[in-house]
PDB file of N, CA and C in Angstrom:
ATOM      1  N   UNK A   1      39.961   8.803-329.234  1.00  0.00           N
ATOM      2  CA  UNK A   1      40.300   7.022-329.098  1.00  0.00           C
ATOM      3  C   UNK A   1      39.397   6.796-327.097  1.00  0.00           C
ATOM      4  N   UNK A   2      40.145   7.405-326.310  1.00  0.00           N
ATOM      5  CA  UNK A   2      39.392   6.615-325.116  1.00  0.00           C
ATOM      6  C   UNK A   2      38.340   7.254-325.034  1.00  0.00           C
ATOM      7  N   UNK A   3      37.849   7.943-325.107  1.00  0.00           N
ATOM      8  CA  UNK A   3      36.308   8.574-325.084  1.00  0.00           C
ATOM      9  C   UNK A   3      35.355   8.204-325.741  1.00  0.00           C
ATOM     10  N   UNK A   4      35.396   7.099-326.625  1.00  0.00           N
ATOM     11  CA  UNK A   4      35.179   6.329-327.541  1.00  0.00           C
ATOM     12  C   UNK A   4      34.593   4.419-326.600  1.00  0.00           C
ATOM     13  N   UNK A   5      35.832   4.889-326.403  1.00  0.00           N
ATOM     14  CA  UNK A   5      36.265   3.071-325.454  1.00  0.00           C
ATOM     15  C   UNK A   5      35.681   3.221-323.682  1.00  0.00           C
ATOM     16  N   UNK A   6      35.434   4.475-323.304  1.00  0.00           N
ATOM     17  CA  UNK A   6      35.049   4.741-322.448  1.00  0.00           C
ATOM     18  C   UNK A   6      32.870   4.911-322.762  1.00  0.00           C
ATOM     19  N   UNK A   7      32.597   5.020-323.755  1.00  0.00           N
ATOM     20  CA  UNK A   7      31.700   5.171-324.185  1.00  0.00           C
ATOM     21  C   UNK A   7      31.158   4.001-324.451  1.00  0.00           C
ATOM     22  N   UNK A   8      32.026   2.909-325.265  1.00  0.00           N
ATOM     23  CA  UNK A   8      31.885   1.665-325.523  1.00  0.00           C
ATOM     24  C   UNK A   8      31.496   0.512-324.401  1.00  0.00           C
ATOM     25  N   UNK A   9      32.279   1.021-323.447  1.00  0.00           N
ATOM     26  CA  UNK A   9      32.589   0.532-321.991  1.00  0.00           C
ATOM     27  C   UNK A   9      30.835   0.181-320.874  1.00  0.00           C
ATOM     28  N   UNK A  10      30.826   2.056-320.734  1.00  0.00           N
ATOM     29  CA  UNK A  10      29.161   1.969-320.593  1.00  0.00           C
ATOM     30  C   UNK A  10      28.351   1.392-320.904  1.00  0.00           C
ATOM     31  N   UNK A  11      28.084   1.463-322.090  1.00  0.00           N
ATOM     32  CA  UNK A  11      27.173   0.978-322.856  1.00  0.00           C
ATOM     33  C   UNK A  11      26.763  -0.407-322.766  1.00  0.00           C
ATOM     34  N   UNK A  12      28.161  -1.217-323.008  1.00  0.00           N
ATOM     35  CA  UNK A  12      28.512  -2.581-322.493  1.00  0.00           C
ATOM     36  C   UNK A  12      27.745  -2.683-321.287  1.00  0.00           C
ATOM     37  N   UNK A  13      28.350  -2.395-320.070  1.00  0.00           N
ATOM     38  CA  UNK A  13      27.672  -2.652-318.576  1.00  0.00           C
ATOM     39  C   UNK A  13      26.388  -2.200-318.774  1.00  0.00           C
ATOM     40  N   UNK A  14      26.163  -0.900-319.444  1.00  0.00           N
ATOM     41  CA  UNK A  14      24.157  -0.777-319.604  1.00  0.00           C
ATOM     42  C   UNK A  14      23.375  -2.385-319.715  1.00  0.00           C
ATOM     43  N   UNK A  15      23.995  -2.424-320.659  1.00  0.00           N
ATOM     44  CA  UNK A  15      23.053  -3.269-321.823  1.00  0.00           C
ATOM     45  C   UNK A  15      23.014  -5.023-320.666  1.00  0.00           C
ATOM     46  N   UNK A  16      24.131  -5.468-320.316  1.00  0.00           N
ATOM     47  CA  UNK A  16      25.060  -6.269-318.503  1.00  0.00           C
ATOM     48  C   UNK A  16      23.912  -6.100-318.112  1.00  0.00           C
ATOM     49  N   UNK A  17      23.890  -4.862-316.962  1.00  0.00           N
ATOM     50  CA  UNK A  17      22.620  -4.954-315.866  1.00  0.00           C
ATOM     51  C   UNK A  17      21.234  -4.659-316.492  1.00  0.00           C
ATOM     52  N   UNK A  18      20.327  -4.668-318.073  1.00  0.00           N
ATOM     53  CA  UNK A  18      19.366  -4.362-318.296  1.00  0.00           C
ATOM     54  C   UNK A  18      18.666  -6.104-318.652  1.00  0.00           C
ATOM     55  N   UNK A  19      19.701  -6.102-319.680  1.00  0.00           N
ATOM     56  CA  UNK A  19      19.663  -8.634-319.066  1.00  0.00           C
ATOM     57  C   UNK A  19      19.221  -9.057-317.742  1.00  0.00           C
ATOM     58  N   UNK A  20      20.480  -8.237-316.944  1.00  0.00           N
ATOM     59  CA  UNK A  20      20.459  -9.417-315.453  1.00  0.00           C
ATOM     60  C   UNK A  20      19.141  -9.312-315.266  1.00  0.00           C
ATOM     61  N   UNK A  21      18.315  -7.673-315.212  1.00  0.00           N
ATOM     62  CA  UNK A  21      17.046  -7.316-314.552  1.00  0.00           C
ATOM     63  C   UNK A  21      15.912  -8.006-315.043  1.00  0.00           C
ATOM     64  N   UNK A  22      16.534  -8.790-316.402  1.00  0.00           N
ATOM     65  CA  UNK A  22      15.021  -8.895-317.003  1.00  0.00           C
ATOM     66  C   UNK A  22      15.530 -10.527-316.557  1.00  0.00           C
ATOM     67  N   UNK A  23      16.691 -11.648-316.490  1.00  0.00           N
ATOM     68  CA  UNK A  23      17.254 -12.333-315.721  1.00  0.00           C
ATOM     69  C   UNK A  23      16.510 -13.152-314.789  1.00  0.00           C
ATOM     70  N   UNK A  24      16.353 -11.874-313.814  1.00  0.00           N
ATOM     71  CA  UNK A  24      16.335 -12.233-312.314  1.00  0.00           C
ATOM     72  C   UNK A  24      15.013 -12.268-311.705  1.00  0.00           C
ATOM     73  N   UNK A  25      13.485 -12.475-312.223  1.00  0.00           N
ATOM     74  CA  UNK A  25      12.599 -12.615-312.473  1.00  0.00           C
ATOM     75  C   UNK A  25      12.265 -14.044-312.626  1.00  0.00           C
ATOM     76  N   UNK A  26      11.283 -14.403-311.175  1.00  0.00           N
ATOM     77  CA  UNK A  26      11.409 -15.395-310.568  1.00  0.00           C
ATOM     78  C   UNK A  26       9.478 -15.218-310.446  1.00  0.00           C
ATOM     79  N   UNK A  27       8.654 -17.177-311.439  1.00  0.00           N
ATOM     80  CA  UNK A  27       7.602 -16.679-311.245  1.00  0.00           C
ATOM     81  C   UNK A  27       6.898 -17.923-311.024  1.00  0.00           C
ATOM     82  N   UNK A  28       6.379 -18.220-310.362  1.00  0.00           N
ATOM     83  CA  UNK A  28       5.036 -19.564-310.099  1.00  0.00           C
ATOM     84  C   UNK A  28       6.018 -20.747-311.154  1.00  0.00           C
ATOM     85  N   UNK A  29       6.051 -21.847-310.755  1.00  0.00           N
ATOM     86  CA  UNK A  29       6.500 -22.767-312.148  1.00  0.00           C
ATOM     87  C   UNK A  29       7.659 -22.786-313.209  1.00  0.00           C
ATOM     88  N   UNK A  30       8.921 -21.977-311.972  1.00  0.00           N
ATOM     89  CA  UNK A  30      10.180 -21.868-313.029  1.00  0.00           C
ATOM     90  C   UNK A  30      10.702 -23.039-311.385  1.00  0.00           C
ATOM     91  N   UNK A  31      11.991 -23.224-312.932  1.00  0.00           N
ATOM     92  CA  UNK A  31      12.661 -24.424-312.127  1.00  0.00           C
ATOM     93  C   UNK A  31      14.015 -23.322-311.417  1.00  0.00           C
ATOM     94  N   UNK A  32      14.436 -23.361-310.396  1.00  0.00           N
ATOM     95  CA  UNK A  32      15.640 -22.491-309.613  1.00  0.00           C
ATOM     96  C   UNK A  32      16.544 -23.079-308.943  1.00  0.00           C
ATOM     97  N   UNK A  33      17.201 -22.304-308.748  1.00  0.00           N
ATOM     98  CA  UNK A  33      18.626 -23.002-308.161  1.00  0.00           C
ATOM     99  C   UNK A  33      19.374 -22.958-306.961  1.00  0.00           C
ATOM    100  N   UNK A  34      19.742 -22.438-305.932  1.00  0.00           N
ATOM    101  CA  UNK A  34      20.706 -22.131-304.996  1.00  0.00           C
ATOM    102  C   UNK A  34      21.631 -21.534-305.458  1.00  0.00           C
ATOM    103  N   UNK A  35      21.805 -20.400-305.674  1.00  0.00           N
ATOM    104  CA  UNK A  35      23.742 -19.906-306.051  1.00  0.00           C
ATOM    105  C   UNK A  35      24.731 -20.212-304.657  1.00  0.00           C
ATOM    106  N   UNK A  36      25.751 -19.558-305.386  1.00  0.00           N
ATOM    107  CA  UNK A  36      26.454 -20.168-304.500  1.00  0.00           C
ATOM    108  C   UNK A  36      26.715 -18.741-303.089  1.00  0.00           C
ATOM    109  N   UNK A  37      26.374 -17.203-303.878  1.00  0.00           N
ATOM    110  CA  UNK A  37      25.665 -16.963-302.837  1.00  0.00           C
ATOM    111  C   UNK A  37      24.412 -17.097-301.323  1.00  0.00           C
ATOM    112  N   UNK A  38      23.720 -17.726-302.035  1.00  0.00           N
ATOM    113  CA  UNK A  38      22.509 -18.639-300.804  1.00  0.00           C
ATOM    114  C   UNK A  38      23.163 -20.070-300.659  1.00  0.00           C
ATOM    115  N   UNK A  39      24.354 -20.253-300.565  1.00  0.00           N
ATOM    116  CA  UNK A  39      25.155 -21.707-299.783  1.00  0.00           C
ATOM    117  C   UNK A  39      24.184 -22.025-298.577  1.00  0.00           C
ATOM    118  N   UNK A  40      23.922 -22.724-298.100  1.00  0.00           N
ATOM    119  CA  UNK A  40      22.809 -22.630-296.753  1.00  0.00           C
ATOM    120  C   UNK A  40      21.316 -21.907-296.886  1.00  0.00           C
ATOM    121  N   UNK A  41      20.887 -21.764-297.939  1.00  0.00           N
ATOM    122  CA  UNK A  41      19.915 -21.172-297.103  1.00  0.00           C
ATOM    123  C   UNK A  41      18.545 -21.525-296.368  1.00  0.00           C
ATOM    124  N   UNK A  42      17.620 -21.091-295.756  1.00  0.00           N
ATOM    125  CA  UNK A  42      17.077 -21.860-294.870  1.00  0.00           C
ATOM    126  C   UNK A  42      15.871 -22.338-295.580  1.00  0.00           C
ATOM    127  N   UNK A  43      15.336 -23.537-295.527  1.00  0.00           N
ATOM    128  CA  UNK A  43      13.853 -24.127-296.471  1.00  0.00           C
ATOM    129  C   UNK A  43      13.161 -23.649-294.801  1.00  0.00           C
ATOM    130  N   UNK A  44      12.295 -23.561-294.572  1.00  0.00           N
ATOM    131  CA  UNK A  44      11.009 -22.887-293.438  1.00  0.00           C
ATOM    132  C   UNK A  44       9.689 -23.824-293.594  1.00  0.00           C
ATOM    133  N   UNK A  45       9.303 -24.021-293.021  1.00  0.00           N
ATOM    134  CA  UNK A  45       7.396 -24.678-293.370  1.00  0.00           C
ATOM    135  C   UNK A  45       6.601 -23.542-292.952  1.00  0.00           C
ATOM    136  N   UNK A  46       7.499 -22.057-292.913  1.00  0.00           N
ATOM    137  CA  UNK A  46       6.639 -20.885-293.335  1.00  0.00           C
ATOM    138  C   UNK A  46       7.351 -19.621-293.494  1.00  0.00           C
ATOM    139  N   UNK A  47       6.613 -18.523-294.047  1.00  0.00           N
ATOM    140  CA  UNK A  47       7.415 -17.732-295.080  1.00  0.00           C
ATOM    141  C   UNK A  47       8.203 -16.610-294.017  1.00  0.00           C
ATOM    142  N   UNK A  48       8.602 -16.685-293.082  1.00  0.00           N
ATOM    143  CA  UNK A  48       9.516 -16.375-291.825  1.00  0.00           C
ATOM    144  C   UNK A  48      10.481 -16.882-290.879  1.00  0.00           C
ATOM    145  N   UNK A  49      11.338 -16.192-290.785  1.00  0.00           N
ATOM    146  CA  UNK A  49      12.790 -16.184-289.906  1.00  0.00           C
ATOM    147  C   UNK A  49      12.183 -16.807-288.824  1.00  0.00           C
ATOM    148  N   UNK A  50      11.666 -16.845-288.608  1.00  0.00           N
ATOM    149  CA  UNK A  50      11.429 -17.777-287.212  1.00  0.00           C
ATOM    150  C   UNK A  50      10.463 -18.971-287.289  1.00  0.00           C
ATOM    151  N   UNK A  51      10.440 -19.567-288.587  1.00  0.00           N
ATOM    152  CA  UNK A  51       9.158 -20.451-289.084  1.00  0.00           C
ATOM    153  C   UNK A  51       9.942 -21.997-288.271  1.00  0.00           C
ATOM    154  N   UNK A  52       9.528 -23.244-288.427  1.00  0.00           N
ATOM    155  CA  UNK A  52      10.261 -24.257-287.807  1.00  0.00           C
ATOM    156  C   UNK A  52      11.309 -24.415-289.382  1.00  0.00           C
ATOM    157  N   UNK A  53      12.324 -24.498-289.336  1.00  0.00           N
ATOM    158  CA  UNK A  53      13.124 -25.095-290.074  1.00  0.00           C
ATOM    159  C   UNK A  53      13.352 -26.119-290.995  1.00  0.00           C
ATOM    160  N   UNK A  54      12.845 -26.753-291.619  1.00  0.00           N
ATOM    161  CA  UNK A  54      13.212 -27.786-292.501  1.00  0.00           C
ATOM    162  C   UNK A  54      14.749 -28.330-292.646  1.00  0.00           C
ATOM    163  N   UNK A  55      15.208 -27.993-293.197  1.00  0.00           N
ATOM    164  CA  UNK A  55      17.054 -28.172-293.713  1.00  0.00           C
ATOM    165  C   UNK A  55      17.209 -27.051-294.507  1.00  0.00           C
ATOM    166  N   UNK A  56      18.991 -27.071-294.354  1.00  0.00           N
ATOM    167  CA  UNK A  56      19.329 -25.392-295.440  1.00  0.00           C
ATOM    168  C   UNK A  56      19.590 -26.586-296.547  1.00  0.00           C
ATOM    169  N   UNK A  57      19.963 -25.361-297.187  1.00  0.00           N
ATOM    170  CA  UNK A  57      19.706 -25.998-299.030  1.00  0.00           C
ATOM    171  C   UNK A  57      21.198 -25.674-299.700  1.00  0.00           C
ATOM    172  N   UNK A  58      22.720 -26.443-299.756  1.00  0.00           N
ATOM    173  CA  UNK A  58      23.573 -26.026-300.268  1.00  0.00           C
ATOM    174  C   UNK A  58      23.666 -25.552-302.132  1.00  0.00           C
ATOM    175  N   UNK A  59      24.584 -24.476-302.476  1.00  0.00           N
ATOM    176  CA  UNK A  59      24.874 -23.658-303.636  1.00  0.00           C
ATOM    177  C   UNK A  59      24.990 -25.549-304.504  1.00  0.00           C
ATOM    178  N   UNK A  60      23.620 -25.831-305.793  1.00  0.00           N
ATOM    179  CA  UNK A  60      23.937 -26.534-306.599  1.00  0.00           C
ATOM    180  C   UNK A  60      22.391 -27.267-306.507  1.00  0.00           C
ATOM    181  N   UNK A  61      21.685 -27.040-305.589  1.00  0.00           N
ATOM    182  CA  UNK A  61      20.230 -27.832-305.023  1.00  0.00           C
ATOM    183  C   UNK A  61      18.839 -26.665-305.966  1.00  0.00           C
ATOM    184  N   UNK A  62      18.630 -27.708-306.232  1.00  0.00           N
ATOM    185  CA  UNK A  62      17.114 -27.185-307.724  1.00  0.00           C
ATOM    186  C   UNK A  62      15.829 -27.154-307.021  1.00  0.00           C
ATOM    187  N   UNK A  63      15.556 -26.604-307.498  1.00  0.00           N
ATOM    188  CA  UNK A  63      13.840 -26.620-306.645  1.00  0.00           C
ATOM    189  C   UNK A  63      12.884 -26.475-308.014  1.00  0.00           C
ATOM    190  N   UNK A  64      11.342 -26.453-307.232  1.00  0.00           N
ATOM    191  CA  UNK A  64      10.178 -25.718-308.885  1.00  0.00           C
ATOM    192  C   UNK A  64       9.804 -25.032-307.857  1.00  0.00           C
ATOM    193  N   UNK A  65       9.376 -23.178-308.084  1.00  0.00           N
ATOM    194  CA  UNK A  65       8.545 -22.792-308.002  1.00  0.00           C
ATOM    195  C   UNK A  65       7.251 -23.476-307.272  1.00  0.00           C
ATOM    196  N   UNK A  66       6.026 -23.450-306.515  1.00  0.00           N
ATOM    197  CA  UNK A  66       4.672 -23.891-306.350  1.00  0.00           C
ATOM    198  C   UNK A  66       4.292 -22.326-305.614  1.00  0.00           C
ATOM    199  N   UNK A  67       4.609 -22.027-305.025  1.00  0.00           N
ATOM    200  CA  UNK A  67       3.539 -20.696-304.328  1.00  0.00           C
ATOM    201  C   UNK A  67       4.744 -19.415-304.265  1.00  0.00           C
ATOM    202  N   UNK A  68       3.863 -18.008-303.596  1.00  0.00           N
ATOM    203  CA  UNK A  68       4.206 -17.058-303.733  1.00  0.00           C
ATOM    204  C   UNK A  68       4.184 -15.650-305.080  1.00  0.00           C
ATOM    205  N   UNK A  69       4.924 -14.682-304.579  1.00  0.00           N
ATOM    206  CA  UNK A  69       5.902 -14.761-303.546  1.00  0.00           C
ATOM    207  C   UNK A  69       4.938 -13.849-302.421  1.00  0.00           C
ATOM    208  N   UNK A  70       5.387 -13.965-300.854  1.00  0.00           N
ATOM    209  CA  UNK A  70       4.446 -13.365-299.744  1.00  0.00           C
ATOM    210  C   UNK A  70       6.062 -12.285-299.423  1.00  0.00           C
ATOM    211  N   UNK A  71       5.499 -11.436-299.225  1.00  0.00           N
ATOM    212  CA  UNK A  71       6.691 -10.175-298.634  1.00  0.00           C
ATOM    213  C   UNK A  71       6.594 -10.353-297.160  1.00  0.00           C
ATOM    214  N   UNK A  72       7.682 -10.488-296.278  1.00  0.00           N
ATOM    215  CA  UNK A  72       7.316 -10.817-294.575  1.00  0.00           C
ATOM    216  C   UNK A  72       8.759 -10.133-294.339  1.00  0.00           C
ATOM    217  N   UNK A  73       8.855  -9.701-292.984  1.00  0.00           N
ATOM    218  CA  UNK A  73      10.073  -9.248-292.615  1.00  0.00           C
ATOM    219  C   UNK A  73      11.232  -8.852-293.219  1.00  0.00           C
ATOM    220  N   UNK A  74      11.194  -8.346-294.352  1.00  0.00           N
ATOM    221  CA  UNK A  74      12.142  -7.480-294.893  1.00  0.00           C
ATOM    222  C   UNK A  74      12.764  -8.584-295.945  1.00  0.00           C
ATOM    223  N   UNK A  75      11.989 -10.101-296.695  1.00  0.00           N
ATOM    224  CA  UNK A  75      12.438 -10.252-297.287  1.00  0.00           C
ATOM    225  C   UNK A  75      11.111 -10.532-298.237  1.00  0.00           C
ATOM    226  N   UNK A  76      12.077 -11.869-299.513  1.00  0.00           N
ATOM    227  CA  UNK A  76      10.846 -12.134-300.588  1.00  0.00           C
ATOM    228  C   UNK A  76      10.774 -13.111-300.152  1.00  0.00           C
ATOM    229  N   UNK A  77       9.669 -14.273-300.280  1.00  0.00           N
ATOM    230  CA  UNK A  77       8.968 -15.402-299.885  1.00  0.00           C
ATOM    231  C   UNK A  77       8.998 -15.556-300.835  1.00  0.00           C
ATOM    232  N   UNK A  78       9.135 -17.134-301.036  1.00  0.00           N
ATOM    233  CA  UNK A  78       8.783 -18.042-302.139  1.00  0.00           C
ATOM    234  C   UNK A  78       8.506 -20.088-301.868  1.00  0.00           C
ATOM    235  N   UNK A  79       8.191 -20.573-302.409  1.00  0.00           N
ATOM    236  CA  UNK A  79       7.165 -21.719-301.664  1.00  0.00           C
ATOM    237  C   UNK A  79       8.036 -22.421-302.831  1.00  0.00           C
ATOM    238  N   UNK A  80       8.628 -23.381-302.206  1.00  0.00           N
ATOM    239  CA  UNK A  80       9.706 -23.902-303.275  1.00  0.00           C
ATOM    240  C   UNK A  80       9.552 -25.665-302.854  1.00  0.00           C
ATOM    241  N   UNK A  81       9.267 -26.703-304.298  1.00  0.00           N
ATOM    242  CA  UNK A  81       9.526 -27.654-304.428  1.00  0.00           C
ATOM    243  C   UNK A  81      10.655 -28.304-304.728  1.00  0.00           C
ATOM    244  N   UNK A  82      11.245 -28.681-303.139  1.00  0.00           N
ATOM    245  CA  UNK A  82      12.380 -29.334-303.581  1.00  0.00           C
ATOM    246  C   UNK A  82      12.839 -31.115-303.738  1.00  0.00           C
ATOM    247  N   UNK A  83      14.104 -31.769-304.858  1.00  0.00           N
ATOM    248  CA  UNK A  83      13.734 -32.707-304.748  1.00  0.00           C
ATOM    249  C   UNK A  83      12.609 -33.653-304.944  1.00  0.00           C
ATOM    250  N   UNK A  84      10.903 -33.268-305.154  1.00  0.00           N
ATOM    251  CA  UNK A  84      10.092 -33.520-306.288  1.00  0.00           C
ATOM    252  C   UNK A  84       9.502 -34.086-304.751  1.00  0.00           C
ATOM    253  N   UNK A  85      10.530 -33.459-303.282  1.00  0.00           N
ATOM    254  CA  UNK A  85       8.903 -34.391-302.167  1.00  0.00           C
ATOM    255  C   UNK A  85       8.912 -33.476-300.791  1.00  0.00           C
ATOM    256  N   UNK A  86       9.712 -32.680-300.702  1.00  0.00           N
ATOM    257  CA  UNK A  86       9.684 -31.399-299.692  1.00  0.00           C
ATOM    258  C   UNK A  86       9.196 -29.776-300.240  1.00  0.00           C
ATOM    259  N   UNK A  87       8.290 -29.654-300.347  1.00  0.00           N
ATOM    260  CA  UNK A  87       7.738 -28.486-299.876  1.00  0.00           C
ATOM    261  C   UNK A  87       8.139 -27.408-299.079  1.00  0.00           C
ATOM    262  N   UNK A  88       8.562 -26.028-298.852  1.00  0.00           N
ATOM    263  CA  UNK A  88       8.480 -24.951-298.343  1.00  0.00           C
ATOM    264  C   UNK A  88       9.017 -23.661-298.417  1.00  0.00           C
ATOM    265  N   UNK A  89       9.188 -23.030-297.735  1.00  0.00           N
ATOM    266  CA  UNK A  89       9.337 -21.104-297.945  1.00  0.00           C
ATOM    267  C   UNK A  89      10.897 -21.018-297.719  1.00  0.00           C
ATOM    268  N   UNK A  90      11.386 -19.844-298.661  1.00  0.00           N
ATOM    269  CA  UNK A  90      12.989 -20.229-299.223  1.00  0.00           C
ATOM    270  C   UNK A  90      12.833 -18.250-299.139  1.00  0.00           C
ATOM    271  N   UNK A  91      13.352 -17.210-298.727  1.00  0.00           N
ATOM    272  CA  UNK A  91      13.034 -16.569-299.077  1.00  0.00           C
ATOM    273  C   UNK A  91      14.696 -15.817-300.027  1.00  0.00           C
ATOM    274  N   UNK A  92      14.317 -15.216-301.093  1.00  0.00           N
ATOM    275  CA  UNK A  92      14.469 -14.941-302.658  1.00  0.00           C
ATOM    276  C   UNK A  92      16.209 -14.083-302.726  1.00  0.00           C
ATOM    277  N   UNK A  93      16.409 -13.257-301.556  1.00  0.00           N
ATOM    278  CA  UNK A  93      17.742 -13.216-300.820  1.00  0.00           C
ATOM    279  C   UNK A  93      17.958 -11.883-300.268  1.00  0.00           C
ATOM    280  N   UNK A  94      18.606 -11.195-299.883  1.00  0.00           N
ATOM    281  CA  UNK A  94      19.415  -9.562-300.064  1.00  0.00           C
ATOM    282  C   UNK A  94      19.642  -8.824-300.074  1.00  0.00           C
ATOM    283  N   UNK A  95      20.408  -7.481-299.396  1.00  0.00           N
ATOM    284  CA  UNK A  95      20.944  -6.533-300.666  1.00  0.00           C
ATOM    285  C   UNK A  95      21.977  -6.460-301.103  1.00  0.00           C
ATOM    286  N   UNK A  96      22.254  -7.517-300.286  1.00  0.00           N
ATOM    287  CA  UNK A  96      24.166  -8.330-300.918  1.00  0.00           C
ATOM    288  C   UNK A  96      24.282  -9.882-302.341  1.00  0.00           C
ATOM    289  N   UNK A  97      22.477 -10.013-302.458  1.00  0.00           N
ATOM    290  CA  UNK A  97      23.316 -11.049-303.430  1.00  0.00           C
ATOM    291  C   UNK A  97      21.378 -11.759-303.149  1.00  0.00           C
ATOM    292  N   UNK A  98      21.226 -12.853-304.490  1.00  0.00           N
ATOM    293  CA  UNK A  98      20.338 -13.434-304.636  1.00  0.00           C
ATOM    294  C   UNK A  98      20.834 -15.483-304.014  1.00  0.00           C
ATOM    295  N   UNK A  99      19.690 -15.697-303.184  1.00  0.00           N
ATOM    296  CA  UNK A  99      19.912 -16.717-302.456  1.00  0.00           C
ATOM    297  C   UNK A  99      19.693 -17.593-303.451  1.00  0.00           C
ATOM    298  N   UNK A 100      18.865 -18.025-304.525  1.00  0.00           N
ATOM    299  CA  UNK A 100      18.989 -18.675-305.578  1.00  0.00           C
ATOM    300  C   UNK A 100      17.820 -18.008-307.081  1.00  0.00           C
ATOM    301  N   UNK A 101      18.274 -18.531-307.796  1.00  0.00           N
ATOM    302  CA  UNK A 101      18.065 -17.683-309.561  1.00  0.00           C
ATOM    303  C   UNK A 101      16.955 -18.617-310.272  1.00  0.00           C
ATOM    304  N   UNK A 102      16.789 -18.442-310.992  1.00  0.00           N
ATOM    305  CA  UNK A 102      15.702 -18.950-311.932  1.00  0.00           C
ATOM    306  C   UNK A 102      16.686 -19.810-313.131  1.00  0.00           C
ATOM    307  N   UNK A 103      16.478 -20.982-313.435  1.00  0.00           N
ATOM    308  CA  UNK A 103      17.459 -22.038-314.397  1.00  0.00           C
ATOM    309  C   UNK A 103      16.939 -21.869-315.418  1.00  0.00           C
ATOM    310  N   UNK A 104      17.345 -21.133-316.795  1.00  0.00           N
ATOM    311  CA  UNK A 104      16.759 -20.782-317.776  1.00  0.00           C
ATOM    312  C   UNK A 104      16.769 -22.499-319.268  1.00  0.00           C
ATOM    313  N   UNK A 105      17.701 -23.850-318.560  1.00  0.00           N
ATOM    314  CA  UNK A 105      17.674 -25.130-319.189  1.00  0.00           C
ATOM    315  C   UNK A 105      18.275 -25.682-318.586  1.00  0.00           C
ATOM    316  N   UNK A 106      18.391 -26.699-319.288  1.00  0.00           N
ATOM    317  CA  UNK A 106      18.541 -28.191-318.442  1.00  0.00           C
ATOM    318  C   UNK A 106      19.957 -27.967-318.483  1.00  0.00           C
ATOM    319  N   UNK A 107      20.778 -28.793-317.421  1.00  0.00           N
ATOM    320  CA  UNK A 107      22.195 -28.289-316.991  1.00  0.00           C
ATOM    321  C   UNK A 107      22.859 -26.874-316.866  1.00  0.00           C
ATOM    322  N   UNK A 108      21.743 -26.426-316.481  1.00  0.00           N
ATOM    323  CA  UNK A 108      22.615 -24.337-316.092  1.00  0.00           C
ATOM    324  C   UNK A 108      22.374 -24.732-314.486  1.00  0.00           C
ATOM    325  N   UNK A 109      23.485 -23.954-313.762  1.00  0.00           N
ATOM    326  CA  UNK A 109      23.494 -24.099-312.717  1.00  0.00           C
ATOM    327  C   UNK A 109      24.112 -22.538-312.265  1.00  0.00           C
ATOM    328  N   UNK A 110      23.425 -21.487-311.239  1.00  0.00           N
ATOM    329  CA  UNK A 110      23.596 -20.234-311.592  1.00  0.00           C
ATOM    330  C   UNK A 110      24.928 -20.294-310.524  1.00  0.00           C
ATOM    331  N   UNK A 111      26.668 -20.666-311.191  1.00  0.00           N
ATOM    332  CA  UNK A 111      28.064 -20.383-310.386  1.00  0.00           C
ATOM    333  C   UNK A 111      28.391 -19.085-310.067  1.00  0.00           C
ATOM    334  N   UNK A 112      27.877 -17.799-309.283  1.00  0.00           N
ATOM    335  CA  UNK A 112      27.905 -16.973-309.109  1.00  0.00           C
ATOM    336  C   UNK A 112      28.030 -16.857-307.562  1.00  0.00           C
ATOM    337  N   UNK A 113      29.289 -15.774-307.040  1.00  0.00           N
ATOM    338  CA  UNK A 113      28.828 -15.735-305.515  1.00  0.00           C
ATOM    339  C   UNK A 113      28.265 -14.129-305.292  1.00  0.00           C
ATOM    340  N   UNK A 114      28.236 -13.307-306.538  1.00  0.00           N
ATOM    341  CA  UNK A 114      27.455 -11.748-306.247  1.00  0.00           C
ATOM    342  C   UNK A 114      25.814 -11.672-307.752  1.00  0.00           C
ATOM    343  N   UNK A 115      25.258 -11.028-306.798  1.00  0.00           N
ATOM    344  CA  UNK A 115      23.834 -11.509-307.333  1.00  0.00           C
ATOM    345  C   UNK A 115      24.086 -10.481-309.547  1.00  0.00           C
ATOM    346  N   UNK A 116      24.719  -9.893-309.229  1.00  0.00           N
ATOM    347  CA  UNK A 116      24.693  -9.035-310.507  1.00  0.00           C
ATOM    348  C   UNK A 116      25.366 -10.393-311.910  1.00  0.00           C
ATOM    349  N   UNK A 117      25.709 -11.307-311.233  1.00  0.00           N
ATOM    350  CA  UNK A 117      26.961 -12.309-312.253  1.00  0.00           C
ATOM    351  C   UNK A 117      25.349 -12.941-312.925  1.00  0.00           C
ATOM    352  N   UNK A 118      25.610 -13.666-314.122  1.00  0.00           N
ATOM    353  CA  UNK A 118      25.181 -14.643-315.238  1.00  0.00           C
ATOM    354  C   UNK A 118      24.799 -15.861-314.816  1.00  0.00           C
ATOM    355  N   UNK A 119      23.876 -17.061-314.967  1.00  0.00           N
ATOM    356  CA  UNK A 119      24.616 -18.386-314.943  1.00  0.00           C
ATOM    357  C   UNK A 119      25.163 -18.830-315.310  1.00  0.00           C
ATOM    358  N   UNK A 120      25.753 -20.012-315.491  1.00  0.00           N
ATOM    359  CA  UNK A 120      26.527 -20.519-316.298  1.00  0.00           C
ATOM    360  C   UNK A 120      25.823 -21.953-316.744  1.00  0.00           C
ATOM    361  N   UNK A 121      26.522 -21.908-317.670  1.00  0.00           N
ATOM    362  CA  UNK A 121      26.394 -22.853-318.698  1.00  0.00           C
ATOM    363  C   UNK A 121      26.997 -24.907-318.738  1.00  0.00           C
ATOM    364  N   UNK A 122      26.495 -25.742-318.174  1.00  0.00           N
ATOM    365  CA  UNK A 122      27.086 -26.301-317.708  1.00  0.00           C
ATOM    366  C   UNK A 122      27.337 -28.104-319.065  1.00  0.00           C
ATOM    367  N   UNK A 123      28.388 -27.997-319.316  1.00  0.00           N
ATOM    368  CA  UNK A 123      29.066 -28.785-320.556  1.00  0.00           C
ATOM    369  C   UNK A 123      28.753 -29.889-320.309  1.00  0.00           C
TER     370      UNK A 123
END
């Protein structure tokens, strides 16, 4: 009985991880939201940590990916249009988590502190 439960648990975890890997794919044209982990993510004029800081975005901010990715300084950078008026670059995340994630539908917000969490659907 314990062996069967262990096997079912392993299968469920592997399934979640596989689904998460598919959900993390960001593409030009995607709507994205800043995660709880990414709260305060830098929004810069260029795809560099030394690029001029336009502002910092808080969790829940949304934007649309309009360019990228560009690999620089150990990060994957995306050009994002925020608030339909500001264009800049943000790093996708670091080894500990995602700064922003694709939003799959209306009223969806990635309410999580860790990379491996799934977005929550707001009612």
